[in-house]
Amino acid sequence: MIELEGVPELIDPVMVAAFEGWNDAGDAASTAVAHLEREWKGEVFAALDAEDYYDFQVNRPTVFMDGGVRKITWPTTRLSVVRVGGEKPRDLVLVRGIEPSMRWRSFCNELLGFAHELGVELVVVLGALLGDTPHTRPVPVSGVTSDPDLAQRMDLEETKYEGPTGIVGVLQEACTHAGVPAVSLWAAVPHYVSQPPNPKATLALLNRLEDLLDLRIPQGELPEDARAWQVGVDQLAAEDSEVAEYVQTLEEARDTAELPEASGEAIAREFERYLRRRDVSPPSPGGHATADGGEGGSYLRDSPSGKNRPPKPDASGGPRGDAPKGDAAPGDVPKGNVPKGDVPKGDVPKDDPATGDAAAGDVSKGDAATGDDEDGSED
């Protein structure tokens, strides 16, 4: 039995999780959870034992000096809790870590143990995939679940995906078997600009989470970062006429497909979001799954001048990365360019070793618990 010390009784708790690696194109999902921790000053109350779930030759520990004392930080998954104020206060249990290297079923069962002890009413798992979507348009985000009743009640897609999956799909399925309502939200990241960070995709995930849970999330500097990111990609794309033409092709396809919705639900959701925020004071300042079931690498390359730029499209009309095609992502990713309830045989999260799990010799990043010397701070 899991014993939790120092954790107060929670109010209508929802667990929000994200994992670096295959399910996290552009680091969009893990950065979203990190943003929630930072804005709401999350307090870490537990960390899973890294020995049980991680291959340290894949996700290596890091060494650092603390007051002249040498310490080691281990790659792991941490849990923190934040309280969201307002007329209807509620608590969020935030789970942020790295996709485990082994024992996935035990990993999910341990997280579900925490969910049970904390009285979690809903689990929301965030993910990001690489897709054929232009960087100049709003980031497509789809919400999916395997529970038909939940899909109808929360206006989600019911997933019918079949194929390889990541920890997001496995955790969602484990929740379903345990009787815990679970939803996954997927943001589609342009495959030709997959290097992290991608603040525009992170912001889109947070907006969708805000709509789903009917709460107000402080955005901090994300809107400004997202605008700067898009301007930077615009400039890089403009340097190559073939890339600019390819982006225009994606824009035309996207605009044609979404024309009926442009004046309907999308505008209504944006207006509702505006009404929620208008009273709020200004806030204080590995591989990835793809929509086609393959693995995507980094598509921006370093140039001699130190700049990154998108590659030229190949003969088939689209840019290609260096990473080979691989397994498709979770049973939660949609068809086409945008995650819909079913993950297509075409576009599902891609795995990018460069930005997902650290390769041998690399130091793992982000959330890691410190063995006996854990200081509880974010890395």
Protein backbone atom coordinates (compact mmCIF):
# COMPACT_ATOMS: atom_id res chain seq x y z
CA MET A 1 0.00 0.00 0.00
CA ILE A 2 1.29 3.48 -0.88
CA GLU A 3 1.63 5.77 2.13
CA LEU A 4 1.59 9.49 1.42
CA GLU A 5 2.92 11.87 4.03
CA GLY A 6 2.45 15.60 3.89
CA VAL A 7 -0.20 15.46 1.15
CA PRO A 8 -3.46 17.10 2.28
CA GLU A 9 -6.89 15.85 1.30
CA LEU A 10 -7.39 16.88 -2.31
CA ILE A 11 -10.40 18.59 -3.89
CA ASP A 12 -11.83 16.92 -7.02
CA PRO A 13 -8.31 15.86 -8.10
CA VAL A 14 -7.39 15.29 -11.74
CA MET A 15 -4.10 13.65 -12.73
CA VAL A 16 -2.31 15.30 -15.67
CA ALA A 17 0.67 13.38 -17.06
CA ALA A 18 3.28 13.75 -19.80
CA PHE A 19 6.41 11.80 -20.66
CA GLU A 20 9.50 12.76 -22.61
CA GLY A 21 10.40 10.56 -25.55
CA TRP A 22 8.40 9.00 -28.35
CA ASN A 23 5.10 10.57 -27.32
CA ASP A 24 6.52 14.08 -26.98
CA ALA A 25 7.31 15.67 -30.36
CA GLY A 26 8.99 19.04 -29.90
CA ASP A 27 8.88 18.42 -26.12
CA ALA A 28 5.43 20.02 -26.31
CA ALA A 29 3.65 17.74 -23.81
CA SER A 30 6.34 17.54 -21.10
CA THR A 31 6.85 21.31 -21.35
CA ALA A 32 3.11 21.83 -20.81
CA VAL A 33 3.18 19.93 -17.51
CA ALA A 34 6.38 21.73 -16.51
CA HIS A 35 4.57 25.02 -17.17
CA LEU A 36 1.74 24.01 -14.82
CA GLU A 37 4.26 23.09 -12.12
CA ARG A 38 6.05 26.41 -12.48
CA GLU A 39 2.99 28.67 -12.68
CA TRP A 40 1.19 27.01 -9.79
CA LYS A 41 4.33 26.24 -7.75
CA GLY A 42 3.86 22.49 -7.66
CA GLU A 43 5.28 20.60 -4.69
CA VAL A 44 6.90 17.24 -5.49
CA PHE A 45 5.68 14.58 -3.08
CA ALA A 46 6.89 11.37 -4.73
CA ALA A 47 9.32 10.02 -7.32
CA LEU A 48 9.36 6.51 -8.79
CA ASP A 49 12.45 4.39 -8.20
CA ALA A 50 14.63 4.89 -11.26
CA GLU A 51 16.22 1.45 -10.81
CA ASP A 52 12.90 -0.21 -11.56
CA TYR A 53 12.09 1.39 -14.89
CA TYR A 54 15.07 2.99 -16.63
CA ASP A 55 18.07 1.76 -18.57
CA PHE A 56 20.83 4.13 -17.47
CA GLN A 57 22.78 3.54 -20.67
CA VAL A 58 19.82 5.02 -22.53
CA ASN A 59 18.80 7.67 -19.99
CA ARG A 60 21.99 8.53 -18.18
CA PRO A 61 22.17 10.17 -14.74
CA THR A 62 23.77 13.59 -14.40
CA VAL A 63 26.45 14.73 -11.99
CA PHE A 64 26.41 18.19 -10.43
CA MET A 65 28.08 20.10 -7.63
CA ASP A 66 26.01 21.41 -4.73
CA GLY A 67 27.98 23.60 -2.34
CA GLY A 68 31.16 21.75 -3.17
CA VAL A 69 29.46 18.36 -2.72
CA ARG A 70 29.22 16.06 -5.72
CA LYS A 71 25.69 14.73 -6.29
CA ILE A 72 23.91 12.60 -8.89
CA THR A 73 20.47 13.17 -10.34
CA TRP A 74 18.73 10.08 -11.70
CA PRO A 75 16.24 9.98 -14.57
CA THR A 76 12.78 9.19 -13.25
CA THR A 77 9.14 10.23 -13.05
CA ARG A 78 7.98 12.66 -10.38
CA LEU A 79 4.57 13.49 -8.96
CA SER A 80 3.61 16.91 -7.65
CA VAL A 81 0.36 18.52 -6.57
CA VAL A 82 -1.00 22.02 -7.25
CA ARG A 83 -4.17 23.74 -6.11
CA VAL A 84 -6.12 25.73 -8.67
CA GLY A 85 -8.01 28.57 -7.01
CA GLY A 86 -11.15 30.36 -8.13
CA GLU A 87 -14.85 29.94 -7.50
CA LYS A 88 -14.50 26.17 -7.76
CA PRO A 89 -11.04 25.26 -6.41
CA ARG A 90 -9.64 21.89 -7.37
CA ASP A 91 -6.33 20.05 -7.23
CA LEU A 92 -4.17 18.73 -10.03
CA VAL A 93 -1.77 15.83 -9.55
CA LEU A 94 1.01 16.44 -12.08
CA VAL A 95 3.08 13.53 -13.39
CA ARG A 96 6.17 14.40 -15.40
CA GLY A 97 8.98 12.10 -16.39
CA ILE A 98 10.54 10.01 -19.13
CA GLU A 99 8.98 7.13 -21.00
CA PRO A 100 10.26 4.07 -19.09
CA SER A 101 12.72 1.64 -20.66
CA MET A 102 11.14 -1.46 -19.11
CA ARG A 103 8.34 -2.86 -16.90
CA TRP A 104 5.63 -0.65 -18.40
CA ARG A 105 2.78 -2.54 -16.74
CA SER A 106 4.35 -2.18 -13.30
CA PHE A 107 5.05 1.48 -14.06
CA CYS A 108 1.39 2.13 -14.89
CA ASN A 109 0.18 0.15 -11.90
CA GLU A 110 2.36 2.25 -9.59
CA LEU A 111 0.95 5.46 -11.00
CA LEU A 112 -2.57 4.09 -10.65
CA GLY A 113 -1.76 3.25 -7.03
CA PHE A 114 -1.04 6.91 -6.40
CA ALA A 115 -4.21 7.88 -8.27
CA HIS A 116 -6.28 5.55 -6.07
CA GLU A 117 -4.77 6.79 -2.81
CA LEU A 118 -5.28 10.43 -3.82
CA GLY A 119 -8.87 9.93 -4.99
CA VAL A 120 -8.16 10.95 -8.58
CA GLU A 121 -11.39 11.27 -10.57
CA LEU A 122 -9.91 11.64 -14.07
CA VAL A 123 -6.54 11.01 -15.75
CA VAL A 124 -5.48 13.25 -18.65
CA VAL A 125 -2.36 12.25 -20.54
CA LEU A 126 -0.74 14.78 -22.88
CA GLY A 127 1.13 13.80 -26.03
CA ALA A 128 2.50 15.32 -29.22
CA LEU A 129 3.02 13.75 -32.63
CA LEU A 130 4.61 14.75 -35.92
CA GLY A 131 2.14 15.45 -38.70
CA ASP A 132 1.58 17.15 -42.05
CA THR A 133 0.42 20.41 -40.54
CA PRO A 134 1.69 23.91 -41.42
CA HIS A 135 3.39 25.94 -38.70
CA THR A 136 1.41 29.01 -39.80
CA ARG A 137 -1.97 27.64 -38.71
CA PRO A 138 -3.40 26.90 -35.25
CA VAL A 139 -1.96 23.69 -33.82
CA PRO A 140 -4.47 20.83 -34.18
CA VAL A 141 -5.21 19.17 -30.83
CA SER A 142 -7.46 16.16 -30.52
CA GLY A 143 -8.90 14.56 -27.42
CA VAL A 144 -9.45 10.80 -27.45
CA THR A 145 -10.68 8.13 -25.06
CA SER A 146 -11.57 4.46 -25.19
CA ASP A 147 -14.69 5.04 -23.07
CA PRO A 148 -17.73 5.67 -25.32
CA ASP A 149 -19.75 7.30 -22.52
CA LEU A 150 -16.88 9.62 -21.61
CA ALA A 151 -16.38 10.46 -25.28
CA GLN A 152 -20.00 11.57 -25.61
CA ARG A 153 -20.07 13.43 -22.30
CA MET A 154 -16.83 15.37 -22.86
CA ASP A 155 -17.10 15.80 -26.65
CA LEU A 156 -14.09 13.56 -27.40
CA GLU A 157 -13.22 11.09 -30.12
CA GLU A 158 -13.53 7.39 -29.32
CA THR A 159 -10.27 5.76 -30.33
CA LYS A 160 -10.27 2.65 -32.48
CA TYR A 161 -6.56 2.68 -33.23
CA GLU A 162 -4.72 -0.61 -33.76
CA GLY A 163 -0.94 -0.77 -33.93
CA PRO A 164 2.23 -0.04 -31.97
CA THR A 165 1.85 2.35 -29.05
CA GLY A 166 3.85 4.29 -26.45
CA ILE A 167 3.51 4.79 -22.72
CA VAL A 168 0.60 7.23 -23.29
CA GLY A 169 -1.48 4.51 -24.93
CA VAL A 170 -0.47 1.89 -22.35
CA LEU A 171 -1.31 4.15 -19.40
CA GLN A 172 -4.67 5.08 -20.88
CA GLU A 173 -5.52 1.41 -21.38
CA ALA A 174 -4.41 0.58 -17.82
CA CYS A 175 -6.72 3.31 -16.51
CA THR A 176 -9.62 1.86 -18.49
CA HIS A 177 -9.08 -1.62 -17.04
CA ALA A 178 -8.81 -0.14 -13.54
CA GLY A 179 -12.09 1.73 -13.96
CA VAL A 180 -10.44 5.17 -13.91
CA PRO A 181 -11.76 7.60 -16.57
CA ALA A 182 -8.88 8.54 -18.87
CA VAL A 183 -8.39 10.97 -21.76
CA SER A 184 -5.40 11.72 -23.94
CA LEU A 185 -4.83 15.04 -25.70
CA TRP A 186 -2.60 15.05 -28.79
CA ALA A 187 -1.01 18.08 -30.45
CA ALA A 188 0.20 17.77 -34.05
CA VAL A 189 3.67 19.27 -34.57
CA PRO A 190 4.88 20.17 -38.10
CA HIS A 191 7.18 17.34 -39.12
CA TYR A 192 9.52 19.70 -40.97
CA VAL A 193 10.30 21.66 -37.80
CA SER A 194 10.36 19.03 -35.09
CA GLN A 195 13.23 20.24 -32.93
CA PRO A 196 12.25 21.36 -29.43
CA PRO A 197 11.06 23.56 -27.99
CA ASN A 198 7.73 24.19 -29.66
CA PRO A 199 5.93 26.76 -27.47
CA LYS A 200 3.08 27.05 -29.96
CA ALA A 201 2.18 23.36 -29.56
CA THR A 202 2.63 23.59 -25.78
CA LEU A 203 0.22 26.53 -25.64
CA ALA A 204 -2.31 24.66 -27.78
CA LEU A 205 -2.24 21.67 -25.41
CA LEU A 206 -2.77 23.93 -22.39
CA ASN A 207 -5.68 25.67 -24.12
CA ARG A 208 -7.32 22.31 -24.83
CA LEU A 209 -6.71 21.18 -21.24
CA GLU A 210 -8.26 24.42 -20.04
CA ASP A 211 -11.38 23.73 -22.11
CA LEU A 212 -11.57 20.12 -20.98
CA LEU A 213 -11.31 20.85 -17.25
CA ASP A 214 -13.11 24.22 -17.36
CA LEU A 215 -10.39 26.08 -15.51
CA ARG A 216 -8.14 29.07 -16.16
CA ILE A 217 -4.48 28.34 -16.78
CA PRO A 218 -2.02 31.25 -16.47
CA GLN A 219 -0.11 31.45 -19.74
CA GLY A 220 2.95 33.30 -18.54
CA GLU A 221 5.34 34.05 -21.41
CA LEU A 222 4.08 31.24 -23.65
CA PRO A 223 2.05 33.44 -26.05
CA GLU A 224 5.07 35.66 -26.67
CA ASP A 225 7.35 32.63 -27.06
CA ALA A 226 4.89 31.07 -29.51
CA ARG A 227 4.81 34.21 -31.65
CA ALA A 228 8.60 34.44 -31.66
CA TRP A 229 8.85 30.76 -32.62
CA GLN A 230 6.51 31.22 -35.58
CA VAL A 231 8.36 34.33 -36.78
CA GLY A 232 11.62 32.42 -36.60
CA VAL A 233 10.27 29.50 -38.62
CA ASP A 234 8.73 31.94 -41.13
CA GLN A 235 12.14 33.48 -41.69
CA LEU A 236 13.85 30.12 -42.13
CA ALA A 237 11.18 28.87 -44.55
CA ALA A 238 11.40 32.08 -46.57
CA GLU A 239 15.07 31.37 -47.27
CA ASP A 240 14.13 28.42 -49.46
CA SER A 241 11.49 28.78 -52.17
CA GLU A 242 10.82 25.03 -52.31
CA VAL A 243 10.14 24.86 -48.59
CA ALA A 244 7.94 27.96 -48.79
CA GLU A 245 5.98 26.31 -51.60
CA TYR A 246 5.61 23.12 -49.57
CA VAL A 247 4.29 25.07 -46.58
CA GLN A 248 1.80 26.83 -48.85
CA THR A 249 0.57 23.44 -50.07
CA LEU A 250 -0.02 22.34 -46.48
CA GLU A 251 -1.84 25.59 -45.74
CA GLU A 252 -4.21 25.14 -48.68
CA ALA A 253 -4.97 21.54 -47.69
CA ARG A 254 -5.58 22.54 -44.09
CA ASP A 255 -7.80 25.52 -44.96
CA THR A 256 -9.90 23.44 -47.32
CA ALA A 257 -10.38 20.65 -44.78
CA GLU A 258 -11.31 22.94 -41.90
CA LEU A 259 -13.40 25.55 -43.69
CA PRO A 260 -16.77 24.29 -42.32
CA GLU A 261 -15.50 24.32 -38.73
CA ALA A 262 -13.86 27.73 -38.96
CA SER A 263 -17.13 29.53 -38.29
CA GLY A 264 -18.53 27.04 -35.79
CA GLU A 265 -17.18 25.17 -32.81
CA ALA A 266 -13.62 26.51 -33.09
CA ILE A 267 -14.77 30.12 -32.78
CA ALA A 268 -17.15 29.23 -29.95
CA ARG A 269 -14.37 27.53 -27.97
CA GLU A 270 -12.05 30.51 -28.42
CA PHE A 271 -14.75 32.92 -27.25
CA GLU A 272 -15.48 30.82 -24.15
CA ARG A 273 -11.76 30.77 -23.36
CA TYR A 274 -11.66 34.55 -23.66
CA LEU A 275 -14.56 34.93 -21.23
CA ARG A 276 -12.81 32.72 -18.69
CA ARG A 277 -9.67 34.81 -18.82
CA ARG A 278 -10.97 38.36 -19.02
CA ASP A 279 -11.15 38.72 -15.23
CA VAL A 280 -7.70 37.29 -14.64
CA SER A 281 -4.89 39.67 -13.73
CA PRO A 282 -1.81 39.49 -15.99
CA PRO A 283 0.23 36.40 -15.11
CA SER A 284 3.72 36.75 -13.77
CA PRO A 285 6.30 37.19 -16.00
CA GLY A 286 13.77 10.92 -28.37
CA GLY A 287 12.00 10.15 -31.12
CA HIS A 288 8.37 10.94 -31.63
CA ALA A 289 5.27 9.29 -32.86
CA THR A 290 4.06 10.39 -36.23
CA ALA A 291 0.79 10.45 -38.00
CA ASP A 292 1.96 7.72 -40.34
CA GLY A 293 3.14 5.28 -37.72
CA GLY A 294 6.82 5.96 -38.27
CA GLU A 295 9.64 7.65 -36.43
CA GLY A 296 10.58 11.22 -37.14
CA GLY A 297 13.95 12.84 -36.67
CA SER A 298 14.96 16.47 -36.48
CA TYR A 299 14.17 18.35 -39.64
CA LEU A 300 15.95 21.63 -38.99
CA ARG A 301 19.67 21.39 -39.68
CA ASP A 302 22.57 23.43 -38.39
CA SER A 303 24.11 25.58 -41.09
CA PRO A 304 27.67 26.96 -41.16
CA SER A 305 26.27 30.31 -40.05
CA GLY A 306 24.89 28.71 -36.91
CA LYS A 307 21.27 29.02 -38.05
CA ASN A 308 18.81 26.22 -38.41
CA ARG A 309 16.72 25.86 -41.52
CA PRO A 310 14.10 23.49 -42.88
CA PRO A 311 15.31 20.95 -45.47
CA LYS A 312 14.15 20.96 -49.04
CA PRO A 313 11.28 18.66 -49.87
CA ASP A 314 12.31 15.47 -51.60
CA ALA A 315 11.06 14.31 -54.96
CA SER A 316 7.82 13.13 -53.43
CA GLY A 317 7.01 16.65 -52.34
CA GLY A 318 7.75 16.61 -48.62
CA PRO A 319 10.82 17.13 -46.47
CA ARG A 320 12.35 14.11 -44.84
CA GLY A 321 14.36 13.68 -41.68
CA ASP A 322 17.29 11.41 -41.08
CA ALA A 323 15.63 9.00 -38.69
CA PRO A 324 14.24 5.83 -40.26
CA LYS A 325 10.55 5.10 -40.21
CA GLY A 326 9.56 3.08 -37.20
CA ASP A 327 6.68 2.17 -34.95
CA ALA A 328 3.56 4.24 -34.78
CA ALA A 329 2.43 5.87 -31.60
CA PRO A 330 -0.31 5.11 -29.16
CA GLY A 331 -3.74 4.02 -29.87
CA ASP A 332 -4.73 7.55 -29.38
CA VAL A 333 -3.58 9.34 -32.44
CA PRO A 334 -5.85 10.42 -35.25
CA LYS A 335 -6.06 10.14 -38.93
CA GLY A 336 -4.60 12.65 -41.29
CA ASN A 337 -2.72 15.62 -40.00
CA VAL A 338 -4.59 16.01 -36.77
CA PRO A 339 -5.05 13.55 -33.98
CA LYS A 340 -8.63 12.31 -34.05
CA GLY A 341 -9.91 9.49 -31.98
CA ASP A 342 -8.31 6.90 -34.25
CA VAL A 343 -4.71 6.90 -35.10
CA PRO A 344 -4.23 6.48 -38.76
CA LYS A 345 -1.99 4.15 -40.47
CA GLY A 346 -0.56 7.36 -41.73
CA ASP A 347 0.19 10.06 -39.19
CA VAL A 348 1.01 9.05 -35.65
CA PRO A 349 3.67 10.17 -33.17
CA LYS A 350 7.23 9.71 -34.36
CA ASP A 351 10.19 8.65 -32.35
CA ASP A 352 13.14 10.99 -32.45
CA PRO A 353 16.19 9.65 -30.62
CA ALA A 354 17.69 13.10 -30.70
CA THR A 355 14.97 14.65 -28.61
CA GLY A 356 13.40 11.70 -26.87
CA ASP A 357 15.25 9.27 -24.65
CA ALA A 358 18.90 10.21 -24.34
CA ALA A 359 21.23 8.02 -26.32
CA ALA A 360 24.13 6.21 -24.73
CA GLY A 361 26.67 8.75 -23.71
CA ASP A 362 24.11 11.52 -23.48
CA VAL A 363 22.93 12.99 -20.25
CA SER A 364 19.18 12.68 -19.71
CA LYS A 365 17.34 15.89 -19.25
CA GLY A 366 14.47 17.23 -17.32
CA ASP A 367 12.73 15.50 -14.51
CA ALA A 368 14.99 13.32 -12.53
CA ALA A 369 14.85 12.40 -8.95
CA THR A 370 18.05 12.59 -6.97
CA GLY A 371 18.77 9.29 -5.31
CA ASP A 372 19.68 9.85 -1.68
CA ASP A 373 20.59 13.45 -2.33
CA GLU A 374 17.39 14.60 -4.02
CA ASP A 375 16.90 18.27 -3.44
CA GLY A 376 13.37 18.38 -4.87
CA SER A 377 14.14 21.14 -7.33
CA GLU A 378 13.45 20.96 -11.03
CA ASP A 379 16.40 20.08 -13.14
